[in-house]
N, C-alpha and C. Protein backbone atom coordinates (compact mmCIF):
# COMPACT_ATOMS: atom_id res chain seq x y z
N MET A 1 -63.53 48.54 -58.42
CA MET A 1 -63.09 47.20 -58.75
C MET A 1 -62.91 46.84 -60.21
N LYS A 2 -63.97 47.44 -61.05
CA LYS A 2 -63.77 47.35 -62.47
C LYS A 2 -62.61 48.31 -63.18
N HIS A 3 -62.51 49.38 -62.49
CA HIS A 3 -61.26 50.13 -63.13
C HIS A 3 -60.13 49.30 -62.61
N VAL A 4 -59.88 48.65 -61.48
CA VAL A 4 -58.65 48.00 -60.95
C VAL A 4 -58.63 47.02 -61.93
N ARG A 5 -59.52 46.17 -62.50
CA ARG A 5 -59.59 45.04 -63.23
C ARG A 5 -58.99 45.27 -64.69
N ASN A 6 -59.69 46.53 -65.19
CA ASN A 6 -59.10 47.03 -66.54
C ASN A 6 -57.62 47.51 -66.41
N SER A 7 -57.09 48.10 -65.17
CA SER A 7 -55.78 48.46 -65.10
C SER A 7 -54.92 47.47 -65.05
N LEU A 8 -55.31 46.37 -64.43
CA LEU A 8 -54.51 45.19 -64.50
C LEU A 8 -54.24 44.52 -65.82
N LEU A 9 -55.23 44.50 -66.54
CA LEU A 9 -55.62 43.83 -67.91
C LEU A 9 -54.71 44.78 -68.89
N LEU A 10 -54.77 45.90 -68.86
CA LEU A 10 -53.83 46.82 -69.48
C LEU A 10 -52.51 46.74 -69.36
N LEU A 11 -52.20 46.70 -67.84
CA LEU A 11 -50.65 46.27 -67.62
C LEU A 11 -50.26 44.71 -68.12
N ALA A 12 -51.02 44.18 -68.09
CA ALA A 12 -50.72 42.64 -68.67
C ALA A 12 -50.56 42.59 -70.14
N LEU A 13 -51.21 43.47 -70.87
CA LEU A 13 -51.25 43.70 -72.36
C LEU A 13 -49.83 44.22 -72.56
N VAL A 14 -49.59 45.44 -71.87
CA VAL A 14 -48.23 46.09 -72.21
C VAL A 14 -47.14 45.35 -72.01
N THR A 15 -47.11 44.40 -70.63
CA THR A 15 -45.95 43.75 -70.49
C THR A 15 -45.91 42.68 -71.51
N VAL A 16 -47.03 42.01 -72.13
CA VAL A 16 -46.82 40.91 -73.15
C VAL A 16 -46.24 41.57 -74.40
N SER A 17 -46.77 42.87 -74.65
CA SER A 17 -46.23 43.50 -75.90
C SER A 17 -44.91 43.86 -75.72
N PHE A 18 -44.43 44.35 -74.65
CA PHE A 18 -42.83 44.46 -74.27
C PHE A 18 -41.93 43.36 -74.65
N LEU A 19 -42.32 42.29 -73.89
CA LEU A 19 -41.69 41.04 -73.92
C LEU A 19 -41.84 40.38 -75.53
N MET A 20 -42.64 40.72 -76.25
CA MET A 20 -42.79 40.20 -77.46
C MET A 20 -41.86 41.16 -78.68
N SER A 21 -41.77 42.27 -78.24
CA SER A 21 -40.86 43.13 -79.04
C SER A 21 -39.22 42.83 -78.99
N CYS A 22 -39.28 42.23 -77.46
CA CYS A 22 -37.64 42.05 -77.20
C CYS A 22 -37.30 40.77 -77.88
N ASN A 23 -38.14 39.98 -78.24
CA ASN A 23 -37.67 38.45 -79.11
C ASN A 23 -37.42 38.86 -80.25
N LYS A 24 -37.35 39.94 -80.80
CA LYS A 24 -37.00 40.35 -82.41
C LYS A 24 -35.28 39.88 -82.46
N ASP A 25 -34.73 39.25 -83.26
CA ASP A 25 -33.37 38.86 -83.90
C ASP A 25 -32.86 40.13 -84.28
N ASN A 26 -32.09 41.05 -83.45
CA ASN A 26 -31.41 42.13 -83.48
C ASN A 26 -29.78 41.76 -83.92
N THR A 27 -29.67 40.73 -84.33
CA THR A 27 -28.31 40.25 -84.72
C THR A 27 -28.05 40.82 -86.39
N PRO A 28 -27.19 41.84 -86.44
CA PRO A 28 -26.89 42.51 -87.73
C PRO A 28 -26.48 41.35 -88.76
N THR A 29 -26.74 41.45 -90.03
CA THR A 29 -26.63 40.14 -91.03
C THR A 29 -25.12 40.58 -91.45
N VAL A 30 -24.31 39.72 -91.69
CA VAL A 30 -23.05 39.93 -91.97
C VAL A 30 -23.16 39.54 -93.75
N SER A 31 -22.38 40.47 -94.45
CA SER A 31 -22.32 40.26 -96.03
C SER A 31 -21.52 39.32 -96.36
N GLU A 32 -21.56 38.63 -97.56
CA GLU A 32 -20.74 37.72 -98.00
C GLU A 32 -19.43 38.55 -98.04
N GLN A 33 -19.21 39.52 -98.39
CA GLN A 33 -17.90 40.16 -98.52
C GLN A 33 -17.15 40.06 -97.04
N GLN A 34 -17.84 40.52 -96.00
CA GLN A 34 -17.25 40.56 -94.93
C GLN A 34 -16.81 39.11 -94.49
N LYS A 35 -17.72 38.05 -94.58
CA LYS A 35 -17.41 36.64 -94.12
C LYS A 35 -15.95 36.24 -95.07
N LEU A 36 -16.21 36.46 -96.25
CA LEU A 36 -15.06 36.04 -96.96
C LEU A 36 -13.72 36.85 -96.63
N THR A 37 -13.83 37.87 -96.37
CA THR A 37 -12.69 38.89 -95.92
C THR A 37 -12.00 38.46 -94.61
N ASP A 38 -13.13 38.09 -93.55
CA ASP A 38 -12.70 37.61 -92.03
C ASP A 38 -11.96 36.39 -92.35
N ALA A 39 -12.50 35.32 -93.18
CA ALA A 39 -12.03 34.07 -93.38
C ALA A 39 -10.64 34.17 -93.77
N LEU A 40 -10.53 34.88 -94.82
CA LEU A 40 -9.09 34.83 -95.66
C LEU A 40 -8.10 35.52 -94.48
N THR A 41 -8.34 36.53 -93.86
CA THR A 41 -7.40 37.18 -93.15
C THR A 41 -7.08 36.59 -91.69
N THR A 42 -7.35 35.43 -91.44
CA THR A 42 -7.03 34.58 -90.22
C THR A 42 -5.63 34.00 -89.90
N GLY A 43 -4.73 34.14 -90.95
CA GLY A 43 -3.35 33.52 -90.84
C GLY A 43 -2.88 33.22 -92.13
N THR A 44 -1.78 32.46 -92.04
CA THR A 44 -1.01 32.06 -93.37
C THR A 44 -1.82 30.74 -93.72
N TRP A 45 -2.23 30.79 -95.04
CA TRP A 45 -2.84 29.54 -95.58
C TRP A 45 -1.74 28.69 -96.48
N THR A 46 -2.04 27.56 -96.36
CA THR A 46 -0.97 26.61 -96.80
C THR A 46 -1.44 25.95 -98.10
N VAL A 47 -0.37 25.60 -98.70
CA VAL A 47 -0.68 25.05 -100.34
C VAL A 47 -1.37 23.51 -100.34
N ASP A 48 -2.43 23.26 -101.22
CA ASP A 48 -2.75 21.83 -101.16
C ASP A 48 -1.94 21.32 -102.53
N ALA A 49 -0.78 20.75 -102.12
CA ALA A 49 -0.10 20.19 -103.27
C ALA A 49 -0.38 19.00 -104.27
N THR A 50 -1.74 18.80 -103.64
CA THR A 50 -2.40 17.70 -104.52
C THR A 50 -2.99 18.22 -105.54
N ALA A 51 -3.67 19.53 -105.27
CA ALA A 51 -4.41 20.18 -106.21
C ALA A 51 -3.59 21.26 -107.05
N THR A 52 -2.65 21.70 -106.27
CA THR A 52 -1.74 22.65 -107.14
C THR A 52 -0.93 22.13 -108.27
N ASN A 53 -0.96 22.80 -109.33
CA ASN A 53 -0.48 22.44 -110.70
C ASN A 53 0.79 23.25 -111.20
N VAL A 54 1.86 22.96 -111.23
CA VAL A 54 2.81 23.87 -111.63
C VAL A 54 3.77 23.11 -112.75
N SER A 55 3.13 22.10 -113.08
CA SER A 55 4.07 21.00 -114.08
C SER A 55 4.50 21.28 -115.15
N ASN A 56 3.96 22.60 -116.05
CA ASN A 56 4.07 23.07 -117.27
C ASN A 56 4.81 24.36 -117.17
N VAL A 57 5.38 24.67 -115.70
CA VAL A 57 6.07 25.73 -115.73
C VAL A 57 7.67 25.48 -115.79
N THR A 58 8.30 26.26 -116.60
CA THR A 58 9.83 25.97 -116.84
C THR A 58 10.50 25.94 -115.35
N GLY A 59 11.29 25.24 -115.07
CA GLY A 59 11.98 25.00 -113.95
C GLY A 59 11.34 24.38 -112.77
N SER A 60 9.86 24.19 -112.73
CA SER A 60 9.01 23.65 -112.05
C SER A 60 9.24 23.99 -110.47
N PRO A 61 8.98 25.02 -109.90
CA PRO A 61 9.11 25.26 -108.65
C PRO A 61 8.55 24.40 -107.60
N ASP A 62 9.02 24.31 -106.66
CA ASP A 62 8.82 23.32 -105.38
C ASP A 62 7.33 23.76 -104.93
N ALA A 63 6.06 23.12 -105.11
CA ALA A 63 5.03 23.68 -104.99
C ALA A 63 4.62 23.26 -103.21
N THR A 64 5.50 22.44 -102.84
CA THR A 64 5.07 22.33 -101.59
C THR A 64 5.37 23.47 -100.51
N THR A 65 6.16 24.12 -100.98
CA THR A 65 6.72 25.24 -100.03
C THR A 65 5.91 26.73 -100.13
N PHE A 66 5.00 26.71 -101.17
CA PHE A 66 4.07 27.75 -101.51
C PHE A 66 2.95 28.21 -100.23
N THR A 67 3.18 29.51 -99.77
CA THR A 67 2.27 29.85 -98.80
C THR A 67 1.32 31.33 -99.37
N ILE A 68 0.29 31.69 -98.57
CA ILE A 68 -0.30 32.83 -99.18
C ILE A 68 -0.99 33.37 -97.81
N THR A 69 -0.64 35.10 -97.65
CA THR A 69 -1.40 35.56 -96.62
C THR A 69 -2.09 36.72 -97.07
N PHE A 70 -3.10 36.85 -96.43
CA PHE A 70 -4.22 38.02 -97.00
C PHE A 70 -4.24 38.99 -95.96
N ALA A 71 -4.72 40.08 -96.49
CA ALA A 71 -4.87 41.29 -95.80
C ALA A 71 -5.74 42.18 -96.21
N ASP A 72 -6.77 42.83 -95.30
CA ASP A 72 -8.10 43.45 -95.70
C ASP A 72 -7.43 45.03 -96.33
N GLY A 73 -7.81 45.10 -97.23
CA GLY A 73 -7.20 46.53 -97.87
C GLY A 73 -8.36 47.47 -97.67
N GLY A 74 -9.55 47.13 -97.41
CA GLY A 74 -10.56 48.11 -97.06
C GLY A 74 -11.56 48.21 -98.51
N ASN A 75 -12.57 48.69 -98.17
CA ASN A 75 -13.70 49.00 -99.30
C ASN A 75 -13.77 47.71 -100.25
N GLY A 76 -13.41 46.44 -99.81
CA GLY A 76 -13.73 45.34 -100.49
C GLY A 76 -12.55 44.66 -101.14
N VAL A 77 -11.24 45.39 -101.06
CA VAL A 77 -10.05 45.07 -101.44
C VAL A 77 -9.29 43.98 -100.67
N VAL A 78 -8.79 43.01 -101.17
CA VAL A 78 -8.23 41.98 -100.20
C VAL A 78 -6.84 42.02 -101.19
N ASN A 79 -5.69 42.03 -100.30
CA ASN A 79 -4.29 42.21 -100.92
C ASN A 79 -3.76 40.91 -100.31
N PHE A 80 -2.80 40.18 -101.06
CA PHE A 80 -2.18 38.97 -100.59
C PHE A 80 -0.54 38.85 -100.98
N THR A 81 0.12 38.14 -100.38
CA THR A 81 1.60 38.03 -100.28
C THR A 81 1.71 36.44 -100.40
N LEU A 82 2.59 35.99 -101.28
CA LEU A 82 2.56 34.81 -101.45
C LEU A 82 4.37 34.56 -100.99
N GLY A 83 4.27 33.36 -100.48
CA GLY A 83 5.82 33.09 -99.87
C GLY A 83 6.01 31.52 -100.51
N GLY A 84 7.24 31.13 -100.23
CA GLY A 84 7.89 29.89 -100.89
C GLY A 84 8.47 30.33 -102.09
N ALA A 85 8.85 29.13 -102.83
CA ALA A 85 9.22 29.11 -104.27
C ALA A 85 8.58 30.12 -105.02
N VAL A 86 7.15 30.07 -104.91
CA VAL A 86 6.52 30.91 -105.97
C VAL A 86 6.88 32.41 -106.09
N ALA A 87 7.30 32.76 -104.81
CA ALA A 87 7.79 34.33 -104.75
C ALA A 87 9.11 34.62 -105.40
N ASP A 88 9.64 33.60 -105.98
CA ASP A 88 10.78 34.01 -106.84
C ASP A 88 10.15 34.72 -108.38
N TYR A 89 8.94 34.35 -108.53
CA TYR A 89 8.57 34.75 -109.87
C TYR A 89 7.31 35.74 -109.69
N PHE A 90 6.47 35.52 -108.97
CA PHE A 90 5.45 36.48 -108.54
C PHE A 90 5.22 36.61 -106.97
N LYS A 91 5.03 37.87 -106.39
CA LYS A 91 5.00 37.87 -104.71
C LYS A 91 3.69 38.47 -104.49
N SER A 92 3.07 39.38 -105.02
CA SER A 92 2.03 40.06 -104.14
C SER A 92 0.99 40.22 -105.38
N GLY A 93 -0.57 40.67 -105.05
CA GLY A 93 -1.38 40.84 -105.73
C GLY A 93 -2.68 41.23 -105.11
N SER A 94 -3.72 41.40 -105.66
CA SER A 94 -4.86 41.86 -104.97
C SER A 94 -6.08 41.41 -105.77
N PHE A 95 -7.48 41.47 -104.99
CA PHE A 95 -8.73 41.31 -105.88
C PHE A 95 -9.68 41.89 -104.75
N SER A 96 -11.01 42.28 -105.51
CA SER A 96 -11.97 42.97 -104.87
C SER A 96 -13.20 41.93 -104.55
N VAL A 97 -13.77 42.12 -103.51
CA VAL A 97 -14.82 41.00 -103.03
C VAL A 97 -15.97 41.95 -103.03
N ALA A 98 -17.16 41.66 -103.68
CA ALA A 98 -18.41 42.60 -103.97
C ALA A 98 -19.30 42.16 -102.46
N GLU A 99 -20.15 42.80 -102.26
CA GLU A 99 -20.88 42.46 -101.03
C GLU A 99 -21.41 41.06 -101.21
N ASP A 100 -22.02 40.59 -102.54
CA ASP A 100 -22.66 39.31 -102.85
C ASP A 100 -21.37 38.25 -102.62
N GLY A 101 -20.15 38.49 -102.66
CA GLY A 101 -19.15 37.60 -102.64
C GLY A 101 -18.42 37.31 -103.87
N THR A 102 -18.93 38.14 -104.73
CA THR A 102 -18.60 38.04 -106.28
C THR A 102 -17.04 38.54 -106.19
N ILE A 103 -16.02 37.87 -106.83
CA ILE A 103 -14.73 38.37 -107.01
C ILE A 103 -14.38 39.00 -108.25
N SER A 104 -13.62 40.04 -108.22
CA SER A 104 -13.28 40.86 -109.59
C SER A 104 -11.82 41.44 -109.32
N ASN A 105 -11.55 42.07 -110.25
CA ASN A 105 -10.39 43.10 -110.31
C ASN A 105 -9.17 42.43 -109.81
N PHE A 106 -8.56 41.34 -110.61
CA PHE A 106 -7.74 40.42 -110.17
C PHE A 106 -6.25 41.25 -110.62
N THR A 107 -5.20 41.21 -109.76
CA THR A 107 -4.02 41.94 -109.99
C THR A 107 -2.84 40.88 -109.40
N VAL A 108 -1.67 40.83 -110.04
CA VAL A 108 -0.71 40.15 -109.49
C VAL A 108 0.61 40.94 -110.15
N SER A 109 1.63 40.82 -109.37
CA SER A 109 2.71 41.49 -109.53
C SER A 109 4.00 40.56 -109.82
N ALA A 110 4.57 40.60 -110.86
CA ALA A 110 5.99 39.72 -111.12
C ALA A 110 7.03 40.39 -110.44
N VAL A 111 7.97 39.59 -110.09
CA VAL A 111 9.14 40.23 -109.08
C VAL A 111 10.21 40.75 -109.96
N SER A 112 10.18 40.52 -111.24
CA SER A 112 11.12 40.81 -112.16
C SER A 112 10.79 41.43 -113.37
N THR A 113 11.22 42.69 -114.03
CA THR A 113 10.75 43.31 -115.23
C THR A 113 10.86 42.01 -116.53
N ASP A 114 11.83 41.25 -116.30
CA ASP A 114 11.79 39.91 -117.05
C ASP A 114 10.68 39.08 -117.42
N LEU A 115 9.71 39.37 -116.68
CA LEU A 115 8.51 38.39 -116.66
C LEU A 115 7.11 39.23 -116.55
N SER A 116 6.27 38.87 -117.15
CA SER A 116 4.98 39.27 -116.84
C SER A 116 3.97 38.55 -116.52
N ALA A 117 3.39 38.84 -115.18
CA ALA A 117 2.43 37.93 -114.69
C ALA A 117 0.92 38.63 -114.59
N THR A 118 0.02 37.56 -115.13
CA THR A 118 -1.42 37.96 -115.28
C THR A 118 -2.34 36.93 -114.46
N LEU A 119 -3.07 37.50 -113.42
CA LEU A 119 -3.92 36.76 -112.70
C LEU A 119 -5.22 36.62 -113.50
N THR A 120 -5.30 35.06 -114.11
CA THR A 120 -6.48 35.22 -114.94
C THR A 120 -7.87 34.67 -114.31
N SER A 121 -7.60 33.90 -112.85
CA SER A 121 -8.85 33.59 -112.29
C SER A 121 -8.59 33.43 -110.81
N VAL A 122 -9.67 33.73 -110.09
CA VAL A 122 -9.39 33.60 -108.58
C VAL A 122 -10.92 32.83 -108.24
N THR A 123 -10.76 31.87 -107.39
CA THR A 123 -11.87 31.47 -106.81
C THR A 123 -11.76 31.25 -105.26
N VAL A 124 -12.70 31.87 -104.41
CA VAL A 124 -12.60 32.13 -103.10
C VAL A 124 -13.91 31.52 -102.47
N THR A 125 -13.42 30.58 -101.17
CA THR A 125 -14.42 30.21 -100.17
C THR A 125 -13.85 30.55 -99.08
N GLU A 126 -14.59 30.50 -97.88
CA GLU A 126 -14.12 30.40 -96.59
C GLU A 126 -13.05 29.48 -96.20
N THR A 127 -12.72 28.40 -96.97
CA THR A 127 -11.74 27.38 -96.74
C THR A 127 -10.75 26.91 -97.91
N LYS A 128 -11.11 27.75 -98.85
CA LYS A 128 -10.19 27.32 -100.12
C LYS A 128 -9.95 28.50 -101.18
N VAL A 129 -8.84 28.67 -101.64
CA VAL A 129 -8.38 29.69 -102.61
C VAL A 129 -7.83 29.08 -103.64
N THR A 130 -8.21 29.37 -104.75
CA THR A 130 -7.45 28.96 -106.19
C THR A 130 -7.28 30.06 -106.97
N LEU A 131 -5.93 30.15 -107.22
CA LEU A 131 -5.49 31.26 -108.06
C LEU A 131 -4.85 30.66 -109.41
N GLU A 132 -5.23 31.19 -110.62
CA GLU A 132 -4.72 31.06 -111.63
C GLU A 132 -3.55 31.88 -112.21
N VAL A 133 -2.43 31.77 -112.66
CA VAL A 133 -1.41 32.84 -112.92
C VAL A 133 -0.93 32.38 -114.08
N GLU A 134 -0.93 33.34 -115.18
CA GLU A 134 -0.12 33.08 -116.22
C GLU A 134 1.05 33.81 -116.24
N VAL A 135 2.40 33.46 -116.48
CA VAL A 135 3.60 34.18 -116.44
C VAL A 135 4.20 33.95 -117.82
N THR A 136 4.46 34.82 -118.51
CA THR A 136 5.15 35.12 -119.78
C THR A 136 6.63 35.55 -119.85
N GLN A 137 7.35 35.47 -120.76
CA GLN A 137 8.40 36.13 -120.94
C GLN A 137 8.55 37.72 -121.31
N ALA A 138 9.09 38.38 -120.61
CA ALA A 138 9.16 39.67 -121.16
C ALA A 138 10.59 39.95 -121.78
N SER A 139 11.20 39.22 -121.58
CA SER A 139 12.62 39.59 -122.17
C SER A 139 13.16 38.05 -122.54
N SER A 140 14.68 37.91 -121.97
CA SER A 140 15.26 36.62 -122.28
C SER A 140 15.10 35.51 -121.02
N ARG A 141 14.54 35.88 -119.88
CA ARG A 141 14.36 34.65 -119.05
C ARG A 141 13.55 33.73 -119.37
N VAL A 142 14.20 32.55 -118.85
CA VAL A 142 13.45 31.23 -119.11
C VAL A 142 12.64 30.56 -117.83
N GLY A 143 13.30 30.83 -116.51
CA GLY A 143 12.59 30.22 -115.74
C GLY A 143 11.42 30.78 -115.06
N GLY A 144 10.48 29.95 -114.67
CA GLY A 144 9.23 30.49 -114.16
C GLY A 144 8.08 30.88 -115.23
N ILE A 145 8.27 30.45 -116.25
CA ILE A 145 7.31 30.90 -117.00
C ILE A 145 6.22 29.77 -117.47
N GLY A 146 5.03 29.97 -117.60
CA GLY A 146 4.03 28.89 -117.65
C GLY A 146 2.81 29.15 -116.99
N THR A 147 2.04 28.24 -116.83
CA THR A 147 0.63 28.68 -116.07
C THR A 147 0.54 27.99 -114.67
N TYR A 148 0.52 28.61 -113.81
CA TYR A 148 0.46 28.09 -112.28
C TYR A 148 -1.17 28.05 -111.90
N THR A 149 -1.33 26.90 -111.45
CA THR A 149 -2.75 26.68 -110.88
C THR A 149 -2.22 26.71 -109.15
N LEU A 150 -2.78 27.36 -108.38
CA LEU A 150 -2.42 27.41 -106.89
C LEU A 150 -3.68 27.23 -106.32
N VAL A 151 -3.45 26.28 -105.44
CA VAL A 151 -4.92 25.94 -104.44
C VAL A 151 -4.18 25.97 -102.96
N PHE A 152 -4.95 26.92 -102.04
CA PHE A 152 -4.43 27.05 -100.97
C PHE A 152 -5.51 26.81 -99.95
N THR A 153 -5.10 26.10 -98.65
CA THR A 153 -6.31 25.95 -97.82
C THR A 153 -6.19 26.76 -96.54
N ALA A 154 -7.37 26.97 -95.88
CA ALA A 154 -7.52 27.88 -94.74
C ALA A 154 -6.40 27.33 -93.61
N PRO A 155 -6.01 28.22 -92.68
CA PRO A 155 -5.12 27.80 -91.56
C PRO A 155 -6.41 26.93 -90.62
N ALA A 156 -6.01 26.08 -90.00
CA ALA A 156 -6.57 25.17 -88.87
C ALA A 156 -7.40 26.23 -87.86
N ALA A 157 -8.40 25.99 -87.45
CA ALA A 157 -8.99 26.80 -86.57
C ALA A 157 -8.41 26.49 -85.31
N SER A 158 -8.31 27.55 -84.33
CA SER A 158 -7.62 27.59 -82.98
C SER A 158 -8.42 27.25 -81.94
């Protein structure tokens, strides 16, 4: 009888130990890099016309038409393509997102050899992106030159 009671006690301890080990949270942690990349690549982002500033740009393009779409370039690189009137001056670029969410390595491409575009600042959250782009004259072109502060908001969740 003592042997049966000890066996039942041992079985109860093993069962409790097994159940306690199953309660561990096995959910993998998602890096800030992956969170931002996933949020950015959800669709076409639209301009926040009240926060976007192109007032000192020659020709003042219609900011209400600006859009941006992001694509995961792999290894922490996020590529973007701009749409609307801003695409007459610069159309695409990229930046890197580190594991901790830090943004670096900004690039932007001017659509013409007459212009030089430099992405001077990028601020990214899961719901808002701000790009600051300095466009200078590389030759005699006049339109589109100046500092663009572009603010985009995430697509509405579906």
